[in-house]
N, C-alpha and C. Protein backbone atom coordinates (compact mmCIF):
# COMPACT_ATOMS: atom_id res chain seq x y z
N UNK A 1 -113.55 -33.20 8.68
CA UNK A 1 -113.20 -34.55 8.71
C UNK A 1 -111.77 -34.58 8.31
N UNK A 2 -111.02 -35.51 9.24
CA UNK A 2 -109.54 -35.60 8.87
C UNK A 2 -109.34 -36.27 7.66
N UNK A 3 -108.23 -36.10 7.11
CA UNK A 3 -107.88 -37.00 6.04
C UNK A 3 -107.39 -38.45 6.31
N UNK A 4 -107.60 -39.15 5.45
CA UNK A 4 -107.00 -40.76 5.86
C UNK A 4 -105.49 -40.86 5.62
N UNK A 5 -104.73 -40.78 6.52
CA UNK A 5 -103.35 -40.94 6.22
C UNK A 5 -102.73 -42.33 5.76
N UNK A 6 -101.50 -42.38 5.40
CA UNK A 6 -101.09 -43.55 5.00
C UNK A 6 -101.35 -44.67 6.13
N UNK A 7 -101.04 -44.28 7.34
CA UNK A 7 -101.15 -45.19 8.62
C UNK A 7 -102.56 -45.78 8.58
N UNK A 8 -103.54 -44.89 8.27
CA UNK A 8 -104.84 -45.16 8.54
C UNK A 8 -105.30 -46.23 7.67
N UNK A 9 -104.75 -46.03 6.44
CA UNK A 9 -105.15 -47.14 5.09
C UNK A 9 -104.49 -48.48 5.45
N UNK A 10 -103.55 -48.49 6.40
CA UNK A 10 -102.98 -49.68 6.92
C UNK A 10 -103.74 -50.57 8.01
N UNK A 11 -104.73 -49.66 8.59
CA UNK A 11 -105.63 -50.09 9.50
C UNK A 11 -106.12 -51.40 9.45
N UNK A 12 -106.05 -52.33 10.25
CA UNK A 12 -106.41 -53.62 9.77
C UNK A 12 -108.05 -53.49 9.55
N UNK A 13 -108.93 -52.84 10.35
CA UNK A 13 -110.34 -52.70 10.26
C UNK A 13 -110.70 -52.02 8.90
N UNK A 14 -110.06 -51.14 8.43
CA UNK A 14 -110.16 -50.59 7.05
C UNK A 14 -109.86 -51.54 5.99
N UNK A 15 -108.69 -52.14 6.07
CA UNK A 15 -108.44 -53.33 5.18
C UNK A 15 -109.47 -54.41 4.97
N UNK A 16 -109.90 -54.83 6.31
CA UNK A 16 -110.96 -55.81 6.48
C UNK A 16 -112.21 -55.41 5.69
N UNK A 17 -112.55 -54.13 6.02
CA UNK A 17 -113.81 -53.84 5.38
C UNK A 17 -113.78 -53.70 3.85
N UNK A 18 -112.72 -53.21 3.32
CA UNK A 18 -112.61 -53.09 1.88
C UNK A 18 -112.40 -54.64 1.27
N UNK A 19 -111.68 -55.46 1.91
CA UNK A 19 -111.83 -56.92 1.17
C UNK A 19 -113.00 -57.60 1.37
N UNK A 20 -113.74 -57.60 2.45
CA UNK A 20 -115.11 -58.00 2.68
C UNK A 20 -116.06 -57.42 1.70
N UNK A 21 -116.08 -56.07 1.32
CA UNK A 21 -116.78 -55.34 0.43
C UNK A 21 -116.49 -55.74 -1.04
N UNK A 22 -115.29 -56.14 -1.32
CA UNK A 22 -114.92 -56.45 -2.72
C UNK A 22 -115.67 -57.82 -2.86
N UNK A 23 -115.31 -58.55 -1.85
CA UNK A 23 -115.93 -60.18 -1.91
C UNK A 23 -117.53 -59.99 -2.21
N UNK A 24 -118.18 -59.48 -1.29
CA UNK A 24 -119.69 -59.11 -1.47
C UNK A 24 -120.09 -58.57 -2.87
N UNK A 25 -119.34 -57.70 -3.17
CA UNK A 25 -119.48 -56.97 -4.61
C UNK A 25 -119.54 -58.03 -5.55
N UNK A 26 -118.64 -58.86 -5.68
CA UNK A 26 -118.31 -59.93 -6.76
C UNK A 26 -119.48 -60.92 -6.70
N UNK A 27 -119.82 -61.29 -5.42
CA UNK A 27 -121.12 -62.20 -5.41
C UNK A 27 -122.17 -61.58 -6.02
N UNK A 28 -122.52 -60.20 -5.36
CA UNK A 28 -123.76 -59.62 -5.95
C UNK A 28 -123.82 -59.35 -7.33
N UNK A 29 -122.74 -59.17 -7.79
CA UNK A 29 -122.77 -58.83 -9.37
C UNK A 29 -122.80 -60.10 -10.20
N UNK A 30 -122.37 -61.20 -9.69
CA UNK A 30 -122.57 -62.56 -10.24
C UNK A 30 -123.78 -63.17 -10.26
N UNK A 31 -124.60 -62.68 -9.13
CA UNK A 31 -125.85 -63.47 -8.61
C UNK A 31 -126.81 -63.74 -9.90
N UNK A 32 -127.22 -62.89 -10.77
CA UNK A 32 -128.22 -63.12 -11.73
C UNK A 32 -127.72 -64.17 -12.84
N UNK A 33 -126.42 -64.61 -12.82
CA UNK A 33 -126.22 -65.71 -13.61
C UNK A 33 -126.82 -66.89 -13.29
N UNK A 34 -127.27 -67.78 -14.45
CA UNK A 34 -128.17 -68.84 -14.19
C UNK A 34 -127.25 -70.23 -14.52
N UNK A 35 -126.12 -70.23 -13.83
CA UNK A 35 -125.21 -71.58 -13.96
C UNK A 35 -125.31 -72.27 -12.80
N UNK A 36 -125.42 -73.66 -12.82
CA UNK A 36 -125.94 -74.60 -11.80
C UNK A 36 -124.83 -75.55 -11.87
N UNK A 37 -124.42 -76.04 -10.40
CA UNK A 37 -123.39 -77.21 -10.25
C UNK A 37 -124.14 -77.88 -9.24
N UNK A 38 -124.36 -79.32 -9.51
CA UNK A 38 -124.91 -80.19 -8.53
C UNK A 38 -126.42 -79.61 -8.04
N UNK A 39 -127.08 -78.68 -8.82
CA UNK A 39 -128.37 -78.19 -8.53
C UNK A 39 -128.34 -77.10 -7.74
N UNK A 40 -127.25 -76.34 -7.62
CA UNK A 40 -127.06 -75.33 -6.69
C UNK A 40 -126.44 -74.11 -7.70
N UNK A 41 -126.85 -72.90 -7.69
CA UNK A 41 -126.46 -71.82 -8.35
C UNK A 41 -124.93 -71.54 -8.02
N UNK A 42 -124.07 -71.45 -8.91
CA UNK A 42 -122.64 -71.10 -8.66
C UNK A 42 -122.44 -69.81 -7.70
N UNK A 43 -123.34 -68.98 -7.79
CA UNK A 43 -123.38 -67.87 -6.76
C UNK A 43 -123.88 -68.33 -5.36
N UNK A 44 -124.60 -69.55 -5.24
CA UNK A 44 -124.74 -70.15 -3.97
C UNK A 44 -123.35 -70.76 -3.50
N UNK A 45 -122.80 -71.41 -4.34
CA UNK A 45 -121.52 -72.15 -4.12
C UNK A 45 -120.53 -70.94 -3.76
N UNK A 46 -120.42 -69.92 -4.43
CA UNK A 46 -119.60 -68.92 -4.23
C UNK A 46 -119.74 -68.27 -2.75
N UNK A 47 -121.00 -68.28 -2.44
CA UNK A 47 -121.34 -67.57 -1.05
C UNK A 47 -120.79 -68.71 0.02
N UNK A 48 -120.92 -70.03 -0.19
CA UNK A 48 -120.51 -71.12 0.80
C UNK A 48 -118.95 -71.16 0.85
N UNK A 49 -118.16 -70.85 -0.25
CA UNK A 49 -116.93 -70.67 -0.18
C UNK A 49 -116.32 -69.55 0.53
N UNK A 50 -117.14 -68.37 0.25
CA UNK A 50 -116.48 -67.14 0.85
C UNK A 50 -116.71 -67.25 2.32
N UNK A 51 -117.84 -67.94 2.88
CA UNK A 51 -117.60 -68.14 4.36
C UNK A 51 -116.29 -68.68 4.99
N UNK A 52 -115.61 -69.37 4.26
CA UNK A 52 -114.31 -70.03 4.56
C UNK A 52 -113.21 -68.79 4.46
N UNK A 53 -113.50 -67.95 3.38
CA UNK A 53 -112.51 -66.82 3.10
C UNK A 53 -112.86 -65.83 4.12
N UNK A 54 -114.10 -65.60 4.51
CA UNK A 54 -114.44 -64.70 5.49
C UNK A 54 -113.74 -65.08 6.93
N UNK A 55 -113.88 -66.30 7.27
CA UNK A 55 -113.31 -67.01 8.41
C UNK A 55 -111.78 -66.60 8.41
N UNK A 56 -111.11 -66.88 7.52
CA UNK A 56 -109.74 -66.82 7.31
C UNK A 56 -109.42 -65.34 7.46
N UNK A 57 -110.04 -64.31 6.90
CA UNK A 57 -109.68 -62.94 6.95
C UNK A 57 -110.16 -62.46 8.40
N UNK A 58 -110.91 -63.03 9.09
CA UNK A 58 -111.23 -62.74 10.49
C UNK A 58 -109.94 -63.15 11.44
N UNK A 59 -109.54 -64.40 11.22
CA UNK A 59 -108.55 -64.79 11.88
C UNK A 59 -107.23 -63.99 11.47
N UNK A 60 -107.08 -63.63 10.42
CA UNK A 60 -105.93 -62.81 10.07
C UNK A 60 -105.94 -61.42 10.66
N UNK A 61 -107.25 -61.00 10.88
CA UNK A 61 -107.49 -59.76 11.48
C UNK A 61 -107.21 -59.59 12.94
N UNK A 62 -107.69 -60.69 13.44
CA UNK A 62 -107.40 -60.65 15.14
C UNK A 62 -105.80 -60.89 15.46
N UNK A 63 -105.28 -61.76 14.55
CA UNK A 63 -103.67 -61.90 14.80
C UNK A 63 -103.12 -60.54 14.33
N UNK A 64 -103.55 -59.85 13.46
CA UNK A 64 -102.87 -58.60 13.15
C UNK A 64 -103.00 -57.72 14.13
N UNK A 65 -104.32 -57.45 14.79
CA UNK A 65 -104.67 -56.50 15.82
C UNK A 65 -103.90 -56.87 17.00
N UNK A 66 -103.66 -58.24 17.34
CA UNK A 66 -102.79 -58.68 18.51
C UNK A 66 -101.44 -58.23 18.39
N UNK A 67 -100.87 -58.29 17.34
CA UNK A 67 -99.67 -57.86 17.00
C UNK A 67 -99.35 -56.34 17.20
N UNK A 68 -100.17 -55.60 16.62
CA UNK A 68 -100.49 -54.14 16.73
C UNK A 68 -100.51 -53.65 18.15
N UNK A 69 -101.36 -54.44 18.90
CA UNK A 69 -101.37 -54.09 20.38
C UNK A 69 -100.26 -54.32 21.00
N UNK A 70 -99.61 -55.65 20.94
CA UNK A 70 -98.52 -55.93 21.47
C UNK A 70 -97.22 -54.94 21.33
N UNK A 71 -97.20 -54.33 20.12
CA UNK A 71 -96.21 -53.34 19.64
C UNK A 71 -96.37 -52.16 20.55
N UNK A 72 -97.78 -51.88 20.63
CA UNK A 72 -97.86 -50.38 21.36
C UNK A 72 -97.70 -50.71 22.72
N UNK A 73 -97.78 -51.82 23.42
CA UNK A 73 -97.46 -52.07 24.74
C UNK A 73 -95.90 -51.93 25.19
N UNK A 74 -95.07 -52.28 24.22
CA UNK A 74 -93.60 -52.39 24.40
C UNK A 74 -93.09 -51.04 24.27
């Protein structure tokens, strides 16, 4: 198996997976807490807010990939 070089650590796919895994890990660690806001668990609210974070990360990923592809064509 090849070593991950510095260039591969900057690959948008790897960065996206790491960020999404960290967000999911935070929510799953926090899940057992029994704190409620408006009758909904704070973990539930966190998941709802994370949807928008994931959406923003996806848009950033697409823009990043398009810039990389455009750079390769030139």
